[in-house]
N, C-alpha and C. Protein backbone atom coordinates (compact mmCIF):
# COMPACT_ATOMS: atom_id res chain seq x y z
N MET A 1 0.81 -1.17 -0.06
CA MET A 1 0.11 -0.07 -0.05
C MET A 1 0.77 1.27 0.02
N ASN A 2 2.19 1.05 0.43
CA ASN A 2 3.13 2.30 0.48
C ASN A 2 3.24 2.71 -0.92
N GLN A 3 3.22 1.93 -1.78
CA GLN A 3 3.62 2.24 -3.12
C GLN A 3 2.62 3.30 -3.70
N THR A 4 1.39 3.35 -3.25
CA THR A 4 0.39 4.30 -3.81
C THR A 4 0.66 5.74 -3.38
N LYS A 5 1.50 5.81 -2.30
CA LYS A 5 1.91 7.13 -1.78
C LYS A 5 2.99 7.94 -2.75
N ASP A 6 3.70 6.99 -3.51
CA ASP A 6 4.66 7.62 -4.46
C ASP A 6 3.88 8.28 -5.56
N PHE A 7 2.70 8.10 -5.89
CA PHE A 7 1.90 8.43 -7.05
C PHE A 7 1.07 9.59 -6.51
N GLN A 8 0.33 10.40 -7.48
CA GLN A 8 -0.78 11.30 -7.05
C GLN A 8 -1.82 11.18 -8.06
N GLY A 9 -3.04 11.58 -7.65
CA GLY A 9 -4.12 11.72 -8.41
C GLY A 9 -4.59 10.24 -8.89
N GLY A 10 -4.85 10.16 -10.33
CA GLY A 10 -5.40 8.89 -10.82
C GLY A 10 -4.60 7.72 -10.72
N LYS A 11 -3.40 7.86 -10.74
CA LYS A 11 -2.46 6.66 -10.80
C LYS A 11 -2.68 6.05 -9.40
N ALA A 12 -2.55 6.79 -8.24
CA ALA A 12 -2.74 6.28 -6.83
C ALA A 12 -4.08 5.60 -6.75
N PHE A 13 -5.09 6.36 -7.12
CA PHE A 13 -6.54 5.77 -7.06
C PHE A 13 -6.62 4.43 -7.90
N GLY A 14 -6.10 4.46 -9.11
CA GLY A 14 -6.12 3.21 -9.96
C GLY A 14 -5.40 2.00 -9.15
N LEU A 15 -4.14 2.32 -8.55
CA LEU A 15 -3.58 1.37 -7.90
C LEU A 15 -4.45 0.76 -6.69
N LEU A 16 -5.02 1.70 -5.93
CA LEU A 16 -5.80 1.43 -4.71
C LEU A 16 -7.01 0.60 -5.23
N LYS A 17 -7.66 0.91 -6.21
CA LYS A 17 -8.81 0.07 -6.84
C LYS A 17 -8.21 -1.43 -7.14
N VAL A 18 -7.24 -1.58 -7.79
CA VAL A 18 -6.67 -2.75 -8.24
C VAL A 18 -6.45 -3.56 -7.06
N GLU A 19 -5.74 -2.98 -6.01
CA GLU A 19 -5.45 -3.53 -4.62
C GLU A 19 -6.61 -4.34 -4.09
N GLN A 20 -7.86 -3.08 -4.06
CA GLN A 20 -9.03 -3.53 -3.28
C GLN A 20 -9.61 -4.72 -4.16
N GLU A 21 -9.63 -4.59 -5.54
CA GLU A 21 -10.37 -5.95 -6.31
C GLU A 21 -9.58 -7.15 -5.92
N GLU A 22 -8.32 -7.10 -5.80
CA GLU A 22 -7.43 -8.41 -5.52
C GLU A 22 -7.87 -8.83 -4.22
N ARG A 23 -8.05 -7.95 -3.19
CA ARG A 23 -8.37 -8.50 -1.97
C ARG A 23 -9.83 -9.07 -1.92
N LEU A 24 -10.87 -8.31 -2.60
CA LEU A 24 -12.24 -8.87 -2.67
C LEU A 24 -12.08 -10.15 -3.66
N ASP A 25 -11.32 -10.50 -4.61
CA ASP A 25 -11.31 -11.74 -5.32
C ASP A 25 -10.74 -12.90 -4.48
N ARG A 26 -9.66 -12.47 -3.53
CA ARG A 26 -9.24 -13.43 -2.54
C ARG A 26 -10.35 -14.01 -1.67
N ILE A 27 -11.16 -12.99 -1.17
CA ILE A 27 -12.26 -13.45 -0.37
C ILE A 27 -13.40 -14.16 -1.16
N ASN A 28 -13.71 -13.77 -2.31
CA ASN A 28 -14.53 -14.51 -3.24
C ASN A 28 -14.04 -16.05 -3.44
N GLN A 29 -12.82 -16.24 -3.65
CA GLN A 29 -12.20 -17.47 -3.82
C GLN A 29 -12.61 -18.42 -2.44
N GLN A 30 -12.39 -17.81 -1.19
CA GLN A 30 -12.66 -18.56 -0.10
C GLN A 30 -14.03 -18.83 0.23
N PHE A 31 -14.94 -18.10 -0.45
CA PHE A 31 -16.26 -18.53 -0.52
C PHE A 31 -16.65 -19.61 -1.42
N LEU A 32 -15.97 -19.57 -2.56
CA LEU A 32 -15.91 -20.48 -3.73
C LEU A 32 -15.59 -21.79 -3.05
N ASP A 33 -14.39 -21.97 -2.31
CA ASP A 33 -13.82 -23.18 -1.70
C ASP A 33 -14.74 -23.51 -0.52
N ASP A 34 -15.61 -22.81 0.08
CA ASP A 34 -16.25 -23.20 1.21
C ASP A 34 -17.37 -24.25 0.90
N PRO A 35 -17.36 -25.35 1.50
CA PRO A 35 -18.42 -26.32 1.23
C PRO A 35 -19.78 -25.89 1.57
N LYS A 36 -19.93 -24.89 2.47
CA LYS A 36 -21.13 -24.32 2.90
C LYS A 36 -22.03 -23.78 1.69
N TYR A 37 -21.28 -23.06 0.82
CA TYR A 37 -21.78 -22.44 -0.31
C TYR A 37 -21.67 -23.15 -1.54
N SER A 38 -20.99 -24.23 -1.63
CA SER A 38 -20.86 -24.96 -2.90
C SER A 38 -22.07 -25.49 -3.56
N SER A 39 -23.16 -25.66 -2.78
CA SER A 39 -24.53 -25.96 -3.41
C SER A 39 -25.26 -24.70 -4.04
N ASP A 40 -24.75 -23.58 -3.84
CA ASP A 40 -25.32 -22.31 -4.33
C ASP A 40 -25.22 -22.20 -5.95
N GLU A 41 -26.29 -22.23 -6.50
CA GLU A 41 -26.36 -22.13 -8.09
C GLU A 41 -25.67 -20.87 -8.36
N ASP A 42 -24.88 -20.79 -9.57
CA ASP A 42 -24.37 -19.69 -10.19
C ASP A 42 -23.57 -18.99 -9.08
N LEU A 43 -22.87 -19.52 -8.30
CA LEU A 43 -21.90 -18.85 -7.19
C LEU A 43 -21.26 -17.78 -7.74
N LEU A 44 -20.29 -18.05 -8.70
CA LEU A 44 -19.25 -17.31 -9.24
C LEU A 44 -19.93 -16.05 -9.80
N PRO A 45 -21.00 -16.04 -10.62
CA PRO A 45 -21.58 -14.85 -11.21
C PRO A 45 -22.25 -13.99 -10.02
N LYS A 46 -22.67 -14.73 -9.11
CA LYS A 46 -23.28 -13.99 -7.84
C LYS A 46 -22.08 -13.19 -7.21
N LEU A 47 -20.98 -13.89 -6.87
CA LEU A 47 -19.87 -13.15 -6.15
C LEU A 47 -19.34 -12.00 -7.10
N GLU A 48 -19.37 -12.23 -8.36
CA GLU A 48 -18.75 -11.02 -8.99
C GLU A 48 -19.98 -9.79 -9.07
N ALA A 49 -21.15 -10.15 -9.05
CA ALA A 49 -21.98 -8.95 -8.99
C ALA A 49 -22.05 -8.40 -7.57
N PHE A 50 -21.93 -9.14 -6.56
CA PHE A 50 -21.74 -8.68 -5.18
C PHE A 50 -20.60 -7.81 -5.12
N LYS A 51 -19.38 -8.44 -5.68
CA LYS A 51 -18.07 -7.60 -5.62
C LYS A 51 -18.22 -6.09 -6.21
N LYS A 52 -19.02 -6.14 -7.33
CA LYS A 52 -19.07 -4.87 -8.24
C LYS A 52 -20.02 -3.90 -7.27
N LYS A 53 -21.04 -4.37 -6.69
CA LYS A 53 -21.86 -3.57 -5.91
C LYS A 53 -21.16 -3.13 -4.69
N TYR A 54 -20.30 -4.04 -4.11
CA TYR A 54 -19.51 -3.47 -2.92
C TYR A 54 -18.54 -2.41 -3.37
N LEU A 55 -17.76 -2.73 -4.19
CA LEU A 55 -16.84 -1.74 -4.77
C LEU A 55 -17.40 -0.28 -5.07
N GLU A 56 -18.73 -0.38 -5.37
CA GLU A 56 -19.47 0.95 -5.60
C GLU A 56 -19.49 1.80 -4.38
N PHE A 57 -19.65 1.20 -3.28
CA PHE A 57 -19.88 1.98 -1.98
C PHE A 57 -18.65 1.81 -1.08
N ASP A 58 -17.72 1.16 -1.34
CA ASP A 58 -16.45 1.07 -0.36
C ASP A 58 -15.49 2.04 -0.98
N LEU A 59 -15.85 3.34 -0.76
CA LEU A 59 -15.35 4.72 -1.34
C LEU A 59 -13.85 4.75 -0.81
N ASN A 60 -13.57 4.54 0.35
CA ASN A 60 -12.08 4.80 0.85
C ASN A 60 -11.18 3.56 0.57
N GLY A 61 -11.70 2.45 -0.07
CA GLY A 61 -10.84 1.39 -0.47
C GLY A 61 -10.29 0.48 0.52
N ASP A 62 -10.87 0.53 1.70
CA ASP A 62 -10.40 -0.40 2.73
C ASP A 62 -11.06 -1.71 2.90
N CYS A 63 -11.91 -1.99 1.95
CA CYS A 63 -12.58 -3.25 1.92
C CYS A 63 -13.64 -3.18 3.13
N ASN A 64 -13.98 -2.09 3.58
CA ASN A 64 -15.10 -1.91 4.52
C ASN A 64 -16.03 -0.85 4.23
N ILE A 65 -17.27 -0.98 4.41
CA ILE A 65 -18.32 0.03 4.27
C ILE A 65 -18.52 0.70 5.61
N ASP A 66 -18.15 1.76 5.73
CA ASP A 66 -18.44 2.59 6.93
C ASP A 66 -19.86 3.29 6.92
N ILE A 67 -20.20 3.93 8.09
CA ILE A 67 -21.48 4.52 8.20
C ILE A 67 -21.80 5.61 7.04
N MET A 68 -20.83 6.21 6.84
CA MET A 68 -21.12 7.36 5.78
C MET A 68 -21.29 6.81 4.26
N SER A 69 -20.63 5.79 4.13
CA SER A 69 -20.73 5.13 2.82
C SER A 69 -22.05 4.38 2.85
N LEU A 70 -22.47 3.85 3.77
CA LEU A 70 -23.78 3.21 3.87
C LEU A 70 -24.82 4.20 3.82
N LYS A 71 -24.75 5.45 4.23
CA LYS A 71 -25.61 6.52 4.14
C LYS A 71 -25.73 6.87 2.66
N ARG A 72 -24.73 7.07 2.10
CA ARG A 72 -24.64 7.55 0.77
C ARG A 72 -25.24 6.46 -0.24
N MET A 73 -24.99 5.32 0.15
CA MET A 73 -25.57 4.15 -0.58
C MET A 73 -27.22 4.11 -0.69
N LEU A 74 -27.64 4.20 0.83
CA LEU A 74 -29.12 4.14 0.87
C LEU A 74 -29.81 5.50 0.19
N GLU A 75 -29.18 6.59 0.33
CA GLU A 75 -29.71 7.82 -0.18
C GLU A 75 -29.59 7.73 -1.86
N LYS A 76 -28.75 7.34 -2.22
CA LYS A 76 -28.71 7.02 -3.74
C LYS A 76 -29.72 5.93 -4.21
N LEU A 77 -30.05 4.98 -3.34
CA LEU A 77 -31.10 4.14 -3.67
C LEU A 77 -32.49 4.66 -3.38
N GLY A 78 -32.49 5.96 -2.77
CA GLY A 78 -33.75 6.57 -2.45
C GLY A 78 -34.45 6.14 -1.12
N VAL A 79 -33.66 5.53 -0.20
CA VAL A 79 -33.95 5.01 1.02
C VAL A 79 -33.18 5.61 2.14
N PRO A 80 -33.32 7.00 2.45
CA PRO A 80 -32.38 7.66 3.46
C PRO A 80 -32.77 7.27 4.87
N LYS A 81 -31.84 6.80 5.56
CA LYS A 81 -31.93 6.47 7.03
C LYS A 81 -31.35 7.42 8.05
N THR A 82 -31.78 7.34 9.20
CA THR A 82 -31.21 8.05 10.20
C THR A 82 -29.90 7.49 10.76
N HIS A 83 -29.11 8.28 11.45
CA HIS A 83 -27.78 7.73 11.98
C HIS A 83 -28.14 6.41 12.91
N LEU A 84 -29.12 6.41 13.73
CA LEU A 84 -29.43 5.38 14.56
C LEU A 84 -29.81 4.13 13.75
N GLU A 85 -30.79 4.38 12.60
CA GLU A 85 -31.02 3.18 11.81
C GLU A 85 -29.85 2.65 10.94
N LEU A 86 -28.88 3.58 10.77
CA LEU A 86 -27.66 3.01 9.90
C LEU A 86 -26.84 2.03 10.88
N LYS A 87 -26.74 2.55 12.19
CA LYS A 87 -25.87 1.78 13.00
C LYS A 87 -26.64 0.39 13.19
N LYS A 88 -27.94 0.49 13.27
CA LYS A 88 -28.72 -0.82 13.45
C LYS A 88 -28.42 -1.76 12.27
N LEU A 89 -28.57 -1.04 11.13
CA LEU A 89 -28.17 -1.94 9.79
C LEU A 89 -26.79 -2.61 9.82
N ILE A 90 -25.79 -1.92 10.39
CA ILE A 90 -24.56 -2.39 10.36
C ILE A 90 -24.27 -3.52 11.49
N ILE A 91 -24.89 -3.32 12.65
CA ILE A 91 -25.00 -4.39 13.56
C ILE A 91 -25.56 -5.52 13.09
N GLU A 92 -26.75 -5.49 12.28
CA GLU A 92 -27.40 -6.52 11.95
C GLU A 92 -26.56 -7.26 10.85
N VAL A 93 -25.95 -6.53 9.90
CA VAL A 93 -25.27 -7.31 9.02
C VAL A 93 -23.87 -7.94 9.42
N ALA A 94 -23.22 -7.10 10.37
CA ALA A 94 -21.95 -7.64 10.94
C ALA A 94 -22.22 -8.61 12.10
N ASN A 95 -23.33 -8.92 12.50
CA ASN A 95 -23.73 -9.72 13.60
C ASN A 95 -23.09 -9.53 14.88
N GLY A 96 -23.08 -8.20 15.13
CA GLY A 96 -22.54 -7.72 16.45
C GLY A 96 -22.09 -6.30 16.35
N PRO A 97 -21.58 -5.82 17.35
CA PRO A 97 -21.09 -4.36 17.47
C PRO A 97 -19.99 -4.07 16.45
N GLY A 98 -20.14 -3.15 15.82
CA GLY A 98 -19.02 -2.69 14.75
C GLY A 98 -19.38 -1.41 14.17
N GLU A 99 -18.29 -0.84 13.51
CA GLU A 99 -18.34 0.45 12.77
C GLU A 99 -18.67 0.39 11.35
N THR A 100 -18.28 -0.91 10.91
CA THR A 100 -18.23 -1.03 9.45
C THR A 100 -18.92 -2.40 9.06
N ILE A 101 -19.14 -2.68 7.59
CA ILE A 101 -19.64 -3.77 7.11
C ILE A 101 -18.36 -4.38 6.23
N SER A 102 -17.97 -5.40 6.70
CA SER A 102 -16.70 -6.00 6.04
C SER A 102 -17.24 -6.80 4.58
N TYR A 103 -16.43 -7.14 3.76
CA TYR A 103 -16.92 -7.71 2.67
C TYR A 103 -17.25 -9.15 2.88
N PRO A 104 -16.66 -9.93 3.73
CA PRO A 104 -17.23 -11.29 4.02
C PRO A 104 -18.57 -11.15 4.85
N ASP A 105 -18.64 -10.21 5.69
CA ASP A 105 -20.19 -9.96 6.20
C ASP A 105 -21.15 -9.71 5.29
N PHE A 106 -20.70 -8.89 4.11
CA PHE A 106 -21.67 -8.46 3.17
C PHE A 106 -22.16 -9.92 2.35
N LEU A 107 -21.00 -10.60 2.14
CA LEU A 107 -21.28 -11.77 1.18
C LEU A 107 -22.20 -12.75 1.94
N ARG A 108 -21.87 -12.98 3.33
CA ARG A 108 -22.70 -13.85 4.07
C ARG A 108 -24.07 -13.37 4.25
N MET A 109 -24.33 -12.03 4.27
CA MET A 109 -25.72 -11.59 4.28
C MET A 109 -26.37 -11.77 2.83
N MET A 110 -25.90 -11.60 1.79
CA MET A 110 -26.38 -11.78 0.45
C MET A 110 -26.53 -13.18 0.09
N LEU A 111 -25.70 -14.01 0.43
CA LEU A 111 -25.74 -15.33 0.22
C LEU A 111 -26.59 -16.25 1.28
N GLY A 112 -26.95 -15.64 2.47
CA GLY A 112 -27.66 -16.26 3.36
C GLY A 112 -29.03 -16.45 3.21
N LYS A 113 -29.67 -17.17 4.02
CA LYS A 113 -31.03 -17.41 3.98
C LYS A 113 -31.87 -16.22 4.68
N ARG A 114 -31.08 -15.61 5.65
CA ARG A 114 -31.64 -14.59 6.41
C ARG A 114 -31.95 -13.34 5.72
N SER A 115 -33.31 -12.79 5.76
CA SER A 115 -33.65 -11.53 5.16
C SER A 115 -33.10 -10.33 5.80
N ALA A 116 -32.06 -9.88 5.75
CA ALA A 116 -31.55 -8.57 6.36
C ALA A 116 -32.24 -7.47 5.55
N ILE A 117 -32.45 -6.38 6.24
CA ILE A 117 -33.08 -5.36 5.66
C ILE A 117 -32.19 -4.70 4.52
N LEU A 118 -30.97 -4.47 4.66
CA LEU A 118 -30.01 -4.22 3.70
C LEU A 118 -30.18 -5.05 2.42
N LYS A 119 -30.25 -6.39 2.58
CA LYS A 119 -30.30 -7.38 1.44
C LYS A 119 -31.69 -7.01 0.76
N MET A 120 -32.65 -6.80 1.34
CA MET A 120 -33.96 -6.47 0.70
C MET A 120 -33.83 -5.26 -0.02
N ILE A 121 -33.33 -4.23 0.54
CA ILE A 121 -33.24 -2.92 -0.10
C ILE A 121 -32.29 -3.14 -1.47
N LEU A 122 -31.16 -3.86 -1.42
CA LEU A 122 -30.39 -3.96 -2.60
C LEU A 122 -31.07 -4.73 -3.73
N MET A 123 -31.71 -5.97 -3.11
CA MET A 123 -32.54 -6.85 -4.12
C MET A 123 -33.69 -5.83 -4.87
N TYR A 124 -34.39 -5.16 -3.99
CA TYR A 124 -35.52 -4.09 -4.62
C TYR A 124 -34.92 -3.20 -5.70
N GLU A 125 -33.83 -2.62 -5.22
CA GLU A 125 -32.94 -1.69 -6.34
C GLU A 125 -32.74 -2.42 -7.57
N GLU A 126 -32.43 -3.87 -7.54
CA GLU A 126 -31.92 -4.48 -8.73
C GLU A 126 -33.20 -4.86 -9.57
N LYS A 127 -34.29 -5.20 -8.83
CA LYS A 127 -35.57 -5.46 -9.50
C LYS A 127 -35.98 -4.18 -10.18
N ASN A 128 -35.96 -3.02 -9.47
CA ASN A 128 -36.40 -1.81 -10.12
C ASN A 128 -35.62 -1.43 -11.42
N ARG A 129 -34.31 -1.79 -11.40
CA ARG A 129 -33.46 -1.45 -12.48
C ARG A 129 -33.74 -2.44 -13.57
N GLU A 130 -34.14 -3.76 -13.33
CA GLU A 130 -34.63 -4.53 -14.36
C GLU A 130 -35.80 -4.07 -15.10
N GLN A 131 -36.83 -3.49 -14.35
CA GLN A 131 -38.04 -3.00 -14.86
C GLN A 131 -37.76 -1.70 -15.72
N GLU A 132 -36.77 -1.02 -15.69
CA GLU A 132 -36.61 0.27 -16.34
C GLU A 132 -35.88 -0.03 -17.79
N LYS A 133 -35.55 -1.15 -17.84
CA LYS A 133 -34.79 -1.37 -19.09
C LYS A 133 -35.90 -1.47 -20.34
N PRO A 134 -35.63 -0.60 -21.46
CA PRO A 134 -36.58 -0.70 -22.38
C PRO A 134 -36.55 -1.83 -23.21
N MET A 135 -37.71 -2.33 -23.67
CA MET A 135 -37.73 -3.59 -24.36
C MET A 135 -37.34 -3.45 -25.84
N ALA A 136 -37.65 -2.43 -26.39
CA ALA A 136 -37.53 -2.16 -27.81
C ALA A 136 -36.90 -0.79 -27.98
N PRO A 137 -36.31 -0.45 -29.32
CA PRO A 137 -35.71 0.84 -29.40
C PRO A 137 -36.83 1.91 -29.39
N PRO A 138 -36.43 3.20 -29.12
CA PRO A 138 -37.59 4.05 -29.05
C PRO A 138 -38.10 4.39 -30.48
N ALA A 139 -39.30 4.70 -30.59
CA ALA A 139 -40.01 5.03 -31.78
C ALA A 139 -39.42 6.23 -32.43
N LYS A 140 -39.35 6.25 -33.82
CA LYS A 140 -38.76 7.40 -34.41
C LYS A 140 -39.87 8.42 -34.53
N LYS A 141 -39.42 9.63 -34.26
CA LYS A 141 -40.34 10.84 -34.24
C LYS A 141 -39.89 11.74 -35.43
N ALA A 142 -40.83 12.37 -35.67
CA ALA A 142 -40.71 13.38 -36.84
C ALA A 142 -40.36 14.81 -36.21
N ILE A 143 -39.59 15.61 -37.02
CA ILE A 143 -39.15 16.95 -36.32
C ILE A 143 -40.43 17.60 -35.73
N SER A 144 -41.43 17.60 -36.37
CA SER A 144 -42.68 18.34 -35.79
C SER A 144 -43.08 17.81 -34.55
N GLU A 145 -42.83 16.50 -34.20
CA GLU A 145 -43.27 15.99 -32.86
C GLU A 145 -42.37 16.32 -31.78
N LEU A 146 -41.14 16.97 -32.04
CA LEU A 146 -40.21 17.23 -30.84
C LEU A 146 -40.81 18.45 -30.15
N PRO A 147 -40.53 18.45 -28.75
CA PRO A 147 -40.99 19.64 -28.05
C PRO A 147 -40.27 20.93 -28.31
């Protein structure tokens, strides 16, 4: 990680993101090797999708989602929460007192049978995104029909 201090701007950020992805890939491999999850259908594509979602909200690159990142994530999804509600979400996902949601905790929540509130919010957001996709190209309009 010290090598990133030698660079500035985009290079440092790029190196940080590469290191972050490599750490998450190693954790994904642990889940792929875990017999507890071996019966899960399409485990690899699920882990890749979860990694992408996690990277979107792990803004400081330390492989943990802190309370401010969680707040931004839920606001972006249109589900703002109070500070107390955010703390409860973190405790629920982390299965105990903590200040952050680690990637393994996030994966256990997403792959588990338990319906955590955060899991439901993320699944709802994904379903909404699927519904927004247009099924056909937009109809062609004449210039006179334009606003």
